Protein backbone atom coordinates (compact mmCIF):
# COMPACT_ATOMS: atom_id res chain seq x y z
CA MET A 1 36.57 109.34 131.45
CA THR A 2 36.12 112.74 129.22
CA THR A 3 33.97 115.78 130.50
CA ASP A 4 31.47 114.81 127.62
CA ASP A 5 31.14 111.37 129.17
CA VAL A 6 30.66 112.76 132.76
CA MET A 7 27.91 115.04 131.31
CA ALA A 8 26.25 112.62 129.24
CA ARG A 9 25.98 110.34 131.94
CA THR A 10 24.44 112.78 134.72
CA GLU A 11 21.83 113.86 131.87
CA GLN A 12 20.90 109.86 131.47
CA GLN A 13 20.49 109.50 135.32
CA ASP A 14 18.23 112.68 135.31
CA ASN A 15 16.31 112.70 131.99
CA PRO A 16 17.72 110.64 129.10
CA THR A 17 16.36 112.96 126.52
CA ARG A 18 17.15 116.17 128.16
CA GLY A 19 18.85 118.71 125.75
CA ARG A 20 18.33 116.62 122.42
CA TRP A 21 16.32 118.86 120.82
CA TRP A 22 18.98 121.57 121.05
CA LEU A 23 21.16 119.17 119.11
CA VAL A 24 18.72 119.50 116.50
CA ALA A 25 19.16 123.24 116.37
CA ALA A 26 22.75 122.98 116.56
CA ALA A 27 22.62 120.61 113.60
CA LEU A 28 20.62 122.90 111.47
CA LEU A 29 23.20 125.66 111.96
CA LEU A 30 25.88 123.27 110.25
CA GLN A 31 23.43 122.10 107.38
CA PHE A 32 22.40 125.68 106.78
CA SER A 33 25.99 126.25 106.14
CA ILE A 34 26.95 123.50 103.93
CA GLY A 35 23.42 123.73 102.07
CA ALA A 36 24.60 126.77 100.68
CA VAL A 37 26.16 124.79 97.86
CA TYR A 38 22.62 124.59 96.11
CA ALA A 39 23.06 128.52 95.80
CA TRP A 40 25.62 127.84 92.97
CA SER A 41 23.39 128.68 90.01
CA VAL A 42 23.49 132.43 91.36
CA PHE A 43 27.33 132.26 90.97
CA SER A 44 27.19 130.10 87.68
CA LYS A 45 24.93 132.82 85.88
CA ALA A 46 27.31 135.42 87.11
CA LEU A 47 30.52 134.00 85.85
CA THR A 48 29.11 133.43 82.22
CA VAL A 49 28.58 137.33 82.02
CA ALA A 50 31.51 138.91 83.91
CA GLU A 51 33.99 139.91 81.73
CA PRO A 52 37.00 138.59 83.18
CA PHE A 53 35.35 135.16 83.12
CA GLN A 54 32.80 134.67 80.60
CA LEU A 55 32.56 130.81 81.23
CA SER A 56 30.44 128.76 79.01
CA LYS A 57 27.59 127.21 80.59
CA LEU A 58 29.36 123.77 80.76
CA GLU A 59 32.56 125.60 82.47
CA GLY A 60 30.14 127.59 84.64
CA ALA A 61 28.51 124.03 85.94
CA LEU A 62 31.98 122.40 86.26
CA PRO A 63 32.63 123.44 90.27
CA PHE A 64 29.18 122.55 91.32
CA GLU A 65 29.58 118.99 89.51
CA VAL A 66 32.87 118.28 91.09
CA THR A 67 31.38 119.20 94.45
CA ILE A 68 28.57 116.74 93.94
CA GLY A 69 30.94 114.05 93.08
CA MET A 70 33.22 114.84 96.00
CA ILE A 71 30.17 114.60 98.55
CA PHE A 72 30.25 110.73 98.41
CA ILE A 73 34.20 110.76 99.19
CA GLY A 74 33.76 112.86 101.96
CA SER A 75 30.54 111.41 103.41
CA TYR A 76 31.83 108.05 103.30
CA ILE A 77 35.27 108.99 105.32
CA GLY A 78 33.44 111.29 107.39
CA GLY A 79 30.77 108.52 108.41
CA ARG A 80 33.37 105.98 109.27
CA LEU A 81 35.43 108.35 111.19
CA GLN A 82 32.71 109.67 113.02
CA ASP A 83 31.56 105.94 114.06
CA LYS A 84 34.92 105.80 115.73
CA LYS A 85 35.88 109.21 117.07
CA GLY A 86 32.43 110.80 117.56
CA PRO A 87 30.66 113.43 115.99
CA ARG A 88 32.02 116.67 117.25
CA LEU A 89 35.41 116.23 115.99
CA VAL A 90 34.15 115.19 112.51
CA ALA A 91 31.79 117.74 112.08
CA LEU A 92 34.22 120.57 113.01
CA MET A 93 37.02 119.21 110.71
CA GLY A 94 34.28 118.97 107.75
CA GLY A 95 33.04 122.44 108.74
CA ILE A 96 36.39 123.97 108.50
CA ILE A 97 37.45 122.00 105.42
CA TYR A 98 34.41 123.32 103.61
CA ALA A 99 34.73 126.92 104.52
CA VAL A 100 38.36 126.84 103.65
CA GLY A 101 37.46 125.65 100.17
CA ILE A 102 35.09 128.32 99.77
CA ILE A 103 37.34 131.07 100.86
CA LEU A 104 40.09 129.95 98.62
CA ALA A 105 37.43 130.16 95.47
CA SER A 106 37.52 133.85 96.42
CA PHE A 107 41.09 134.12 95.08
CA SER A 108 39.95 132.82 91.49
CA HIS A 109 39.55 136.17 89.53
CA ASN A 110 39.71 135.04 86.04
CA ARG A 111 38.68 132.81 83.23
CA GLY A 112 42.56 131.54 83.53
CA GLN A 113 41.80 130.60 87.00
CA LEU A 114 38.78 128.37 86.56
CA TRP A 115 41.31 125.57 87.66
CA LEU A 116 41.64 127.35 91.25
CA LEU A 117 37.77 127.38 91.51
CA VAL A 118 37.19 124.01 90.62
CA LEU A 119 39.60 122.72 93.05
CA SER A 120 38.67 124.77 95.85
CA TYR A 121 35.21 125.15 95.58
CA GLY A 122 34.81 121.90 93.82
CA VAL A 123 37.18 119.46 95.45
CA ILE A 124 37.86 120.80 98.88
CA GLY A 125 34.60 122.42 99.32
CA GLY A 126 32.81 119.31 98.30
CA PHE A 127 34.89 116.99 100.38
CA GLY A 128 34.33 119.11 103.35
CA LEU A 129 30.67 119.25 102.62
CA GLY A 130 30.11 115.59 102.80
CA PHE A 131 32.45 114.90 105.51
CA ALA A 132 30.36 117.39 107.44
CA TYR A 133 27.01 116.29 106.01
CA ILE A 134 26.61 112.60 107.15
CA VAL A 135 27.56 113.53 110.92
CA PRO A 136 24.18 114.94 112.17
CA ILE A 137 22.14 112.68 110.24
CA ALA A 138 24.10 109.68 112.02
CA MET A 139 24.24 111.56 115.64
CA LEU A 140 20.50 112.37 115.71
CA GLN A 141 19.34 109.02 115.00
CA LYS A 142 20.92 107.74 117.91
CA TRP A 143 19.27 110.36 119.98
CA PHE A 144 15.57 110.12 118.39
CA PRO A 145 15.05 106.52 118.05
CA ASP A 146 11.34 107.09 118.50
CA LYS A 147 11.33 109.84 116.06
CA ARG A 148 13.75 108.55 113.16
CA GLY A 149 11.75 110.00 110.11
CA LEU A 150 11.06 113.35 111.61
CA ILE A 151 14.43 113.65 112.87
CA THR A 152 16.51 112.72 109.74
CA GLY A 153 13.98 114.90 107.64
CA LEU A 154 14.77 117.84 109.93
CA ALA A 155 18.45 117.44 109.65
CA VAL A 156 18.63 117.14 105.94
CA GLY A 157 15.78 119.73 105.65
CA GLY A 158 18.19 122.25 106.95
CA PHE A 159 20.52 121.22 104.21
CA GLY A 160 17.88 121.95 101.52
CA PHE A 161 17.02 125.20 103.04
CA GLY A 162 20.53 126.56 103.10
CA ALA A 163 20.35 127.82 99.34
CA VAL A 164 17.03 129.61 99.92
CA LEU A 165 18.59 131.51 102.79
CA THR A 166 22.13 131.97 101.27
CA SER A 167 20.57 133.02 97.50
CA PRO A 168 19.68 136.48 98.32
CA ILE A 169 22.84 137.39 100.20
CA ALA A 170 25.10 135.73 97.48
CA GLN A 171 23.20 137.89 94.98
CA GLY A 172 23.88 141.12 96.97
CA LEU A 173 27.48 140.50 97.37
CA ILE A 174 27.92 139.65 93.62
CA ASP A 175 25.86 142.81 92.56
CA SER A 176 28.26 145.03 94.88
CA ASN A 177 31.16 143.44 92.49
CA LYS A 178 29.82 142.23 89.40
CA ASP A 179 33.33 142.07 87.62
CA VAL A 180 34.52 139.56 89.89
CA PRO A 181 31.73 137.76 91.49
CA THR A 182 34.07 135.06 93.08
CA LYS A 183 34.95 137.99 95.92
CA ALA A 184 31.57 137.09 97.33
CA PHE A 185 33.13 133.72 98.63
CA LEU A 186 35.13 135.43 101.11
CA PRO A 187 32.61 136.78 103.45
CA LEU A 188 30.29 133.75 102.68
CA GLY A 189 32.98 131.27 103.64
CA ILE A 190 33.68 133.48 106.93
CA GLY A 191 30.17 133.02 107.66
CA TYR A 192 29.86 129.43 106.95
CA LEU A 193 32.88 129.01 109.34
CA ILE A 194 31.28 130.35 112.24
CA LEU A 195 27.95 128.95 111.86
CA SER A 196 29.45 125.49 111.26
CA LEU A 197 31.80 126.06 114.68
CA ILE A 198 29.15 127.05 116.37
CA GLY A 199 26.58 124.03 115.74
CA ALA A 200 29.38 121.37 115.36
CA SER A 201 30.70 122.47 119.06
CA PHE A 202 27.61 120.94 120.47
CA PHE A 203 27.63 117.78 118.97
CA ARG A 204 27.90 114.62 121.03
CA ASN A 205 26.55 111.01 120.89
CA PRO A 206 24.15 109.68 123.54
CA PRO A 207 25.80 107.90 126.41
CA SER A 208 26.05 104.08 126.50
CA GLY A 209 22.73 102.35 127.32
CA TYR A 210 20.83 105.35 126.29
CA GLN A 211 17.15 104.71 126.09
CA VAL A 212 14.14 106.79 125.44
CA PRO A 213 11.69 106.15 128.23
CA GLY A 214 8.57 104.08 126.92
CA PHE A 215 10.07 103.48 123.49
CA SER A 216 10.79 100.13 122.06
CA PRO A 217 11.65 99.21 118.32
CA ALA A 218 8.67 98.25 116.30
CA THR A 219 8.23 94.64 115.26
CA SER A 220 5.05 95.18 113.29
CA GLY A 221 3.09 98.02 111.48
CA PRO A 222 4.39 100.39 108.74
CA VAL A 223 7.71 100.97 110.21
CA VAL A 224 9.59 98.16 111.44
CA ASP A 225 12.98 98.16 112.81
CA SER A 226 15.39 95.37 112.37
CA GLY A 227 16.39 95.03 115.91
CA LYS A 228 20.15 94.76 115.00
CA ASP A 229 23.11 97.17 114.74
CA TYR A 230 24.76 95.79 111.55
CA THR A 231 28.44 96.71 110.50
CA GLU A 232 29.43 97.99 107.55
CA LYS A 233 30.48 94.96 106.03
CA GLU A 234 27.73 93.02 107.15
CA ALA A 235 25.26 95.48 105.66
CA LEU A 236 27.22 95.23 102.53
CA ARG A 237 26.48 91.61 102.12
CA THR A 238 22.84 92.14 101.96
CA PRO A 239 21.04 92.74 98.81
CA GLN A 240 18.80 95.35 100.70
CA TRP A 241 21.70 97.67 100.90
CA TYR A 242 22.21 97.76 97.19
CA LEU A 243 18.51 97.86 96.38
CA LEU A 244 18.17 101.11 98.83
CA MET A 245 21.33 102.75 97.18
CA THR A 246 19.59 102.11 94.00
CA ILE A 247 16.14 103.70 94.75
CA LEU A 248 18.05 106.78 96.09
CA ALA A 249 19.88 107.05 92.97
CA LEU A 250 16.75 106.81 90.99
CA ASN A 251 14.90 109.18 93.02
CA VAL A 252 17.76 111.62 92.49
CA THR A 253 17.78 111.04 88.81
CA ALA A 254 14.27 111.95 88.34
CA GLY A 255 14.35 114.90 90.26
CA ILE A 256 17.44 116.49 89.11
CA ALA A 257 16.77 115.92 85.54
CA LEU A 258 14.06 118.71 86.15
CA ILE A 259 16.48 120.65 88.37
CA SER A 260 19.10 120.87 85.69
CA GLN A 261 16.75 121.82 83.15
CA ALA A 262 14.21 124.00 85.20
CA ALA A 263 15.01 127.70 84.08
CA ALA A 264 15.07 126.68 80.61
CA SER A 265 12.22 124.58 80.81
CA ALA A 266 10.09 126.99 82.38
CA THR A 267 10.93 129.75 79.55
CA ASP A 268 10.70 127.29 76.70
CA ILE A 269 7.45 125.37 77.83
CA ALA A 270 5.48 127.74 80.07
CA GLY A 271 6.68 131.22 78.66
CA TYR A 272 8.43 132.29 81.69
CA THR A 273 10.51 135.29 81.17
CA LYS A 274 14.23 134.88 82.45
CA ALA A 275 13.73 136.75 85.45
CA GLY A 276 10.43 135.23 86.13
CA ALA A 277 12.28 131.51 85.41
CA ALA A 278 15.03 132.76 87.92
CA GLY A 279 12.21 133.42 90.45
CA LEU A 280 10.66 130.32 90.20
CA VAL A 281 13.85 128.32 90.55
CA GLY A 282 14.22 130.32 94.09
CA ALA A 283 10.68 129.46 94.95
CA LEU A 284 11.10 125.69 94.16
CA ALA A 285 13.95 125.30 96.52
CA ILE A 286 11.71 125.88 99.36
CA PHE A 287 9.67 122.64 98.04
CA ASN A 288 13.18 120.84 97.83
CA GLY A 289 13.86 121.68 101.26
CA GLY A 290 10.00 121.21 102.67
CA GLY A 291 10.10 117.78 101.07
CA ARG A 292 12.98 116.36 103.40
CA ILE A 293 10.77 116.97 106.29
CA VAL A 294 7.22 116.35 104.86
CA TRP A 295 8.11 112.81 103.23
CA ALA A 296 10.16 111.78 106.12
CA VAL A 297 7.22 112.34 108.69
CA VAL A 298 5.00 110.83 106.05
CA SER A 299 6.87 107.55 106.00
CA ASP A 300 6.81 107.22 109.91
CA HIS A 301 3.15 106.85 109.10
CA THR A 302 2.92 104.94 105.92
CA GLY A 303 5.90 103.05 105.96
CA ARG A 304 9.32 103.68 104.13
CA MET A 305 8.86 101.79 100.90
CA PRO A 306 5.07 103.19 100.45
CA ALA A 307 6.65 106.42 100.67
CA PHE A 308 9.18 105.90 98.18
CA ALA A 309 6.74 104.42 96.09
CA ALA A 310 4.71 107.48 96.20
CA MET A 311 7.54 109.72 95.57
CA LEU A 312 8.67 107.87 92.56
CA GLY A 313 5.05 107.47 91.09
CA LEU A 314 4.15 111.14 91.65
CA GLN A 315 7.43 112.28 89.99
CA GLY A 316 6.61 110.14 86.89
CA ILE A 317 3.25 111.28 86.53
CA CYS A 318 4.20 114.80 86.80
CA LEU A 319 7.35 114.35 84.38
CA LEU A 320 4.91 113.07 81.90
CA ALA A 321 2.76 116.06 82.04
CA ILE A 322 5.35 118.90 82.29
CA PRO A 323 6.35 118.85 78.55
CA HIS A 324 2.54 119.91 77.72
CA ALA A 325 2.30 122.25 80.80
CA SER A 326 1.82 125.72 78.76
CA SER A 327 0.26 127.33 81.84
CA ALA A 328 2.58 128.92 84.06
CA VAL A 329 0.67 128.08 86.97
CA LEU A 330 0.33 124.67 86.18
CA PHE A 331 4.14 124.35 85.32
CA PHE A 332 4.78 125.77 88.75
CA ILE A 333 2.47 123.05 90.36
CA LEU A 334 4.01 119.88 88.45
CA ALA A 335 7.47 121.55 89.18
CA ALA A 336 6.97 121.85 92.71
CA VAL A 337 5.68 118.43 93.34
CA ILE A 338 8.95 117.06 91.66
CA TYR A 339 10.94 119.07 93.67
CA LEU A 340 9.24 118.08 96.87
CA CYS A 341 9.57 114.09 96.01
CA TYR A 342 13.35 114.72 95.22
CA GLY A 343 14.00 116.31 98.56
CA GLY A 344 11.82 113.79 100.21
CA GLY A 345 14.22 110.84 99.15
CA PHE A 346 17.02 112.73 101.16
CA GLY A 347 14.86 113.06 104.25
CA THR A 348 13.61 109.51 104.39
CA MET A 349 16.48 107.32 103.18
CA PRO A 350 18.62 107.93 106.26
CA ALA A 351 15.61 106.81 108.22
CA THR A 352 15.08 103.77 106.15
CA ALA A 353 18.83 102.87 106.48
CA GLY A 354 18.70 103.00 110.18
CA ASP A 355 15.44 100.84 110.16
CA TYR A 356 17.36 98.33 108.06
CA PHE A 357 20.59 98.25 109.61
CA GLY A 358 20.64 99.95 112.81
CA VAL A 359 22.22 103.19 114.02
CA ARG A 360 25.45 102.24 115.70
CA HIS A 361 27.32 102.11 112.22
CA ALA A 362 24.97 104.63 110.51
CA GLY A 363 27.86 107.02 109.47
CA ALA A 364 29.70 104.33 107.48
CA ILE A 365 26.65 102.51 106.00
CA TYR A 366 24.54 105.52 104.96
CA GLY A 367 27.71 107.42 104.37
CA LEU A 368 28.68 104.80 101.61
CA MET A 369 25.16 105.09 100.29
CA ILE A 370 25.31 108.55 99.47
CA LEU A 371 27.01 106.73 96.22
CA GLY A 372 23.49 106.91 94.97
CA TRP A 373 23.31 110.65 95.14
CA SER A 374 26.33 111.09 93.29
CA LEU A 375 25.22 108.68 90.44
CA GLY A 376 22.07 110.05 90.31
CA GLY A 377 23.45 113.45 89.94
CA ILE A 378 25.73 112.59 87.03
CA ILE A 379 22.91 110.24 85.32
CA GLY A 380 20.04 112.52 85.60
CA PRO A 381 21.32 115.61 83.71
CA PHE A 382 23.47 113.51 81.25
CA ILE A 383 20.32 111.95 80.14
CA ILE A 384 17.76 114.93 79.77
CA SER A 385 20.24 117.24 78.29
CA GLY A 386 21.40 114.49 75.64
CA LEU A 387 17.73 113.96 74.79
CA ILE A 388 16.41 117.43 74.98
CA GLY A 389 19.42 118.38 72.61
CA GLY A 390 19.62 121.60 70.66
CA ALA A 391 15.89 120.65 69.17
CA LYS A 392 14.58 121.20 72.45
CA ASN A 393 12.57 117.91 72.47
CA TYR A 394 11.37 118.29 76.12
CA THR A 395 8.60 115.63 75.68
CA LEU A 396 11.35 112.90 74.56
CA GLY A 397 13.42 113.81 77.36
CA TYR A 398 10.87 114.42 80.41
CA THR A 399 9.13 111.06 79.09
CA VAL A 400 12.12 108.91 79.11
CA ILE A 401 12.93 109.86 82.53
CA ALA A 402 9.23 109.61 83.62
CA VAL A 403 9.26 106.14 82.51
CA ILE A 404 12.52 105.49 84.55
CA ALA A 405 10.81 106.79 87.56
CA LEU A 406 7.85 104.80 87.20
CA ALA A 407 9.58 101.45 86.33
CA SER A 408 11.68 102.25 89.66
CA MET A 409 8.49 101.57 91.78
CA VAL A 410 9.15 97.91 91.35
CA LEU A 411 12.12 98.25 93.55
CA THR A 412 10.04 99.37 96.55
CA VAL A 413 7.81 96.17 96.28
CA ILE A 414 10.61 93.59 96.33
CA THR A 415 12.77 95.59 99.18
CA LYS A 416 12.07 93.84 102.55
CA ILE A 417 13.87 94.55 105.80
CA PRO A 418 16.59 92.13 106.66
CA ARG A 419 14.96 89.82 109.70
CA THR A 420 17.85 87.60 110.84
CA ARG A 421 21.65 87.27 110.55
CA ASN A 422 21.18 84.38 108.02
CA ASP A 423 19.83 87.40 105.62
CA VAL A 424 23.45 88.50 105.65
CA ARG A 425 25.04 85.19 104.80
CA GLU A 426 22.21 84.07 102.34
CA GLY A 427 21.11 87.17 100.79
CA VAL A 428 17.59 86.59 101.51
CA LEU A 429 15.23 89.73 100.76
CA GLY A 430 12.91 89.97 103.63
CA ASP A 431 10.10 88.99 105.86
CA GLU A 432 9.11 85.38 104.25
CA ALA A 433 12.41 83.97 104.54
CA ALA A 434 12.92 85.02 108.13
CA LYS A 435 9.71 82.74 108.91
CA THR A 436 11.69 79.96 107.66
CA THR A 437 15.28 80.53 109.24
């Protein structure tokens, strides 16, 4: 028996929930550090104007795009490993890999070394990010079965707020060395490493047989627990897993379409100055982070699918209106709602997956589901940039994305929680089938 097991068993006998909120604080330290990836726009802008680089917009976006693509690979491998080895080792490894990638990015000093920036920040950093990202989400659901929505919202909310905290620090470091802005990655990488190691060192799973006093999984009401722990293979044999992944992908597609065009849209549609548009993007990041907590909590009271229906519907309505928002205030309000709903998908989906498939194998099941994030992160910007084009046809672009979001609401109606093991074999969608098995 390890020292962790002895400590955990003692806590279980004394007070089974003792110390679990400290694990939330530890998780936030890790999530703040890896969430700094959303501050890439600060570097992208600097790399397009710094004389040794002078990257095109496409080149400036490449490291970030590679990072988002690698998150899925890292989260799937990290999720499977943490289900077997526990959260601490995997979180420490992920934090180290991520920090090493950021530190190595500081050695890219000119345009000719763009490959190094893509390899270090994109491939290595993105893999480490995904490796670490999934761990606190899976771990905290096991500690907080009674507050699943709130706790996953907090876990990924820290990730969303990472850019809010990092952006001004990164900008200050860049301003101190404008010719080679990548040098800012060295102190940032060291800082990320310290935060990650401190946070991850406290991670642990609850002891065997852990229960929250007075809590039992709900069998009726807005949020219902399947009452079963599906394995990864069993989850993948249900249509629900694919429906949930698709809902996540479509929610990401809708939100990131605006995110990828936010600064340019604010300037061209609502008349923001370049400085004003940059400030707007920074302010909207707060709604991205806040939405992860707000919608996760809302879903605890309304149910998961009604919450997703509201997120997709609100995004659709706001996307229809935003090309016509010539007022700076109206543009901000519409964009804030979209950012809020975009972030809300990340806060609500881990709890949804936990309700549907249990939390014992949450690392592998939700880690693989993050494929939806990567797909949406590619599809949304691709569609919107192609439709807007050089003619700046914002009405066409945002209208098409709005229709996609509104049509996606149908999926929230047909997606029901698996009720029996027969659902796994027969591919039944939900409650009605359970009544006949």
